[in-house]
Protein backbone atom coordinates (compact mmCIF):
# COMPACT_ATOMS: atom_id res chain seq x y z
CA MET A 1 -5.29 35.97 -36.37
CA THR A 2 -2.59 35.59 -33.70
CA PHE A 3 -4.97 33.75 -31.12
CA ILE A 4 -4.52 30.50 -33.25
CA PRO A 5 -0.77 29.89 -32.32
CA ILE A 6 -1.78 30.86 -28.72
CA VAL A 7 -4.34 28.27 -28.32
CA ILE A 8 -2.30 25.73 -30.34
CA GLY A 9 0.68 26.39 -28.05
CA LEU A 10 -1.28 26.55 -24.90
CA MET A 11 -2.90 23.10 -25.89
CA LEU A 12 0.77 21.71 -26.40
CA LEU A 13 2.08 23.24 -23.06
CA THR A 14 -0.85 21.96 -21.11
CA SER A 15 -0.33 18.39 -22.80
CA GLY A 16 3.15 18.50 -21.73
CA LEU A 17 2.65 19.57 -18.14
CA VAL A 18 -0.27 17.03 -17.86
CA VAL A 19 2.29 14.15 -18.88
CA LEU A 20 5.16 15.90 -16.83
CA PHE A 21 3.49 15.77 -13.52
CA ASP A 22 1.40 12.61 -14.52
CA PHE A 23 -1.94 14.13 -13.92
CA GLY A 24 -4.69 11.40 -13.66
CA GLY A 25 -2.00 8.89 -14.43
CA ALA A 26 -1.53 10.25 -18.09
CA ALA A 27 2.18 9.37 -18.17
CA GLY A 28 1.60 5.80 -16.96
CA ALA A 29 -1.39 5.30 -19.03
CA LEU A 30 0.88 6.62 -22.29
CA ILE A 31 3.64 4.43 -21.19
CA ARG A 32 1.67 1.33 -20.94
CA GLY A 33 -0.74 1.96 -23.95
CA VAL A 34 1.90 3.55 -26.38
CA SER A 35 5.47 3.66 -25.82
CA SER A 36 6.31 0.44 -24.04
CA ARG A 37 4.88 -1.53 -27.04
CA ASN A 38 6.84 -2.69 -30.06
CA LEU A 39 6.19 -0.82 -33.28
CA GLY A 40 6.74 -3.40 -35.83
CA SER A 41 10.32 -4.28 -35.65
CA LEU A 42 11.11 -1.39 -33.50
CA ALA A 43 11.72 -2.12 -29.65
CA PRO A 44 10.29 0.24 -27.07
CA GLY A 45 12.42 3.04 -26.60
CA TYR A 46 13.38 5.78 -24.48
CA ALA A 47 9.73 6.80 -23.77
CA ALA A 48 8.94 3.44 -22.18
CA ASP A 49 10.82 4.67 -19.29
CA PRO A 50 9.17 7.09 -16.82
CA ASP A 51 12.22 9.21 -17.07
CA GLY A 52 12.26 9.31 -20.67
CA MET A 53 8.46 10.13 -20.81
CA ARG A 54 9.29 13.27 -18.48
CA VAL A 55 11.96 14.46 -20.95
CA TYR A 56 9.53 13.97 -23.83
CA ALA A 57 6.89 15.78 -21.76
CA LEU A 58 9.35 18.72 -21.37
CA LEU A 59 10.09 18.57 -25.16
CA LEU A 60 6.33 19.03 -25.84
CA ALA A 61 5.85 21.91 -23.13
CA GLY A 62 9.06 23.45 -24.85
CA LEU A 63 7.33 23.34 -28.25
CA GLY A 64 4.12 24.76 -26.66
CA LEU A 65 5.88 27.64 -25.32
CA ALA A 66 7.58 28.49 -28.39
CA VAL A 67 4.24 28.50 -30.41
CA THR A 68 2.67 30.52 -27.71
CA GLY A 69 5.49 33.23 -27.87
CA VAL A 70 4.68 33.51 -31.64
CA GLY A 71 1.08 34.14 -31.01
CA VAL A 72 1.83 36.71 -28.20
CA ALA A 73 4.76 38.56 -30.01
CA PRO A 74 2.30 40.76 -32.07
CA TRP A 75 0.95 42.35 -29.07
CA ASN A 76 3.77 42.26 -26.80
CA LEU A 77 6.93 41.81 -28.48
CA LEU A 78 9.53 41.46 -25.42
CA VAL A 79 6.91 39.03 -23.84
CA GLY A 80 6.43 36.94 -26.91
CA ALA A 81 10.16 37.00 -27.82
CA ALA A 82 11.19 35.97 -24.24
CA THR A 83 8.54 33.13 -24.25
CA MET A 84 9.95 32.05 -27.69
CA ALA A 85 13.50 32.11 -26.41
CA LEU A 86 12.41 30.08 -23.25
CA GLY A 87 10.55 27.45 -25.45
CA ILE A 88 12.99 27.00 -27.75
CA THR A 89 15.72 26.71 -25.29
CA ASP A 90 13.79 24.19 -23.68
CA PHE A 91 13.05 22.40 -26.59
CA VAL A 92 16.60 22.19 -27.88
CA ILE A 93 18.01 20.96 -24.46
CA ALA A 94 15.19 18.25 -24.10
CA ALA A 95 16.11 17.20 -27.85
CA VAL A 96 19.70 16.62 -26.82
CA VAL A 97 18.58 14.77 -23.95
CA VAL A 98 16.16 12.52 -25.59
CA ILE A 99 18.51 11.63 -28.26
CA ALA A 100 21.16 10.42 -25.72
CA GLY A 101 18.51 8.58 -24.09
CA GLU A 102 17.54 6.86 -27.20
CA VAL A 103 20.97 6.09 -28.26
CA ARG A 104 21.68 4.62 -24.64
CA THR A 105 18.35 2.67 -24.93
CA TYR A 106 19.18 1.27 -28.21
CA ARG A 107 22.66 0.24 -27.25
CA ALA A 108 21.23 -1.55 -24.13
CA LEU A 109 19.10 -3.63 -26.23
CA PRO A 110 20.19 -7.35 -26.74
CA PRO A 111 21.78 -8.24 -30.35
CA SER A 112 18.46 -9.92 -31.62
CA SER A 113 16.22 -7.15 -30.68
CA GLY A 114 16.05 -5.45 -34.04
CA ARG A 115 19.40 -4.31 -34.42
């Protein structure tokens, strides 16, 4: 039953690409409706910025590629492994950029904003 990881991976990849390229205003709506709002005592973070949202979209797309590769590997090991490697590489690079962006955003907060 390897079609399940393929379907889940393609859904994650598609979601990431929709946000990355802002199809239908998806990224703007996500920023306005979710990521630009306070979460309790947490101030909005890196995802409240369009550049940050694009990096998070790449993170999601990388996860989708990796999961898709897991599903493809039983049928074609080379394609599956290459897809997993590409997805994992994308995910790791995007995660490092996200962490750096979140730290930069946190350090830019005024002292009374929940530090």
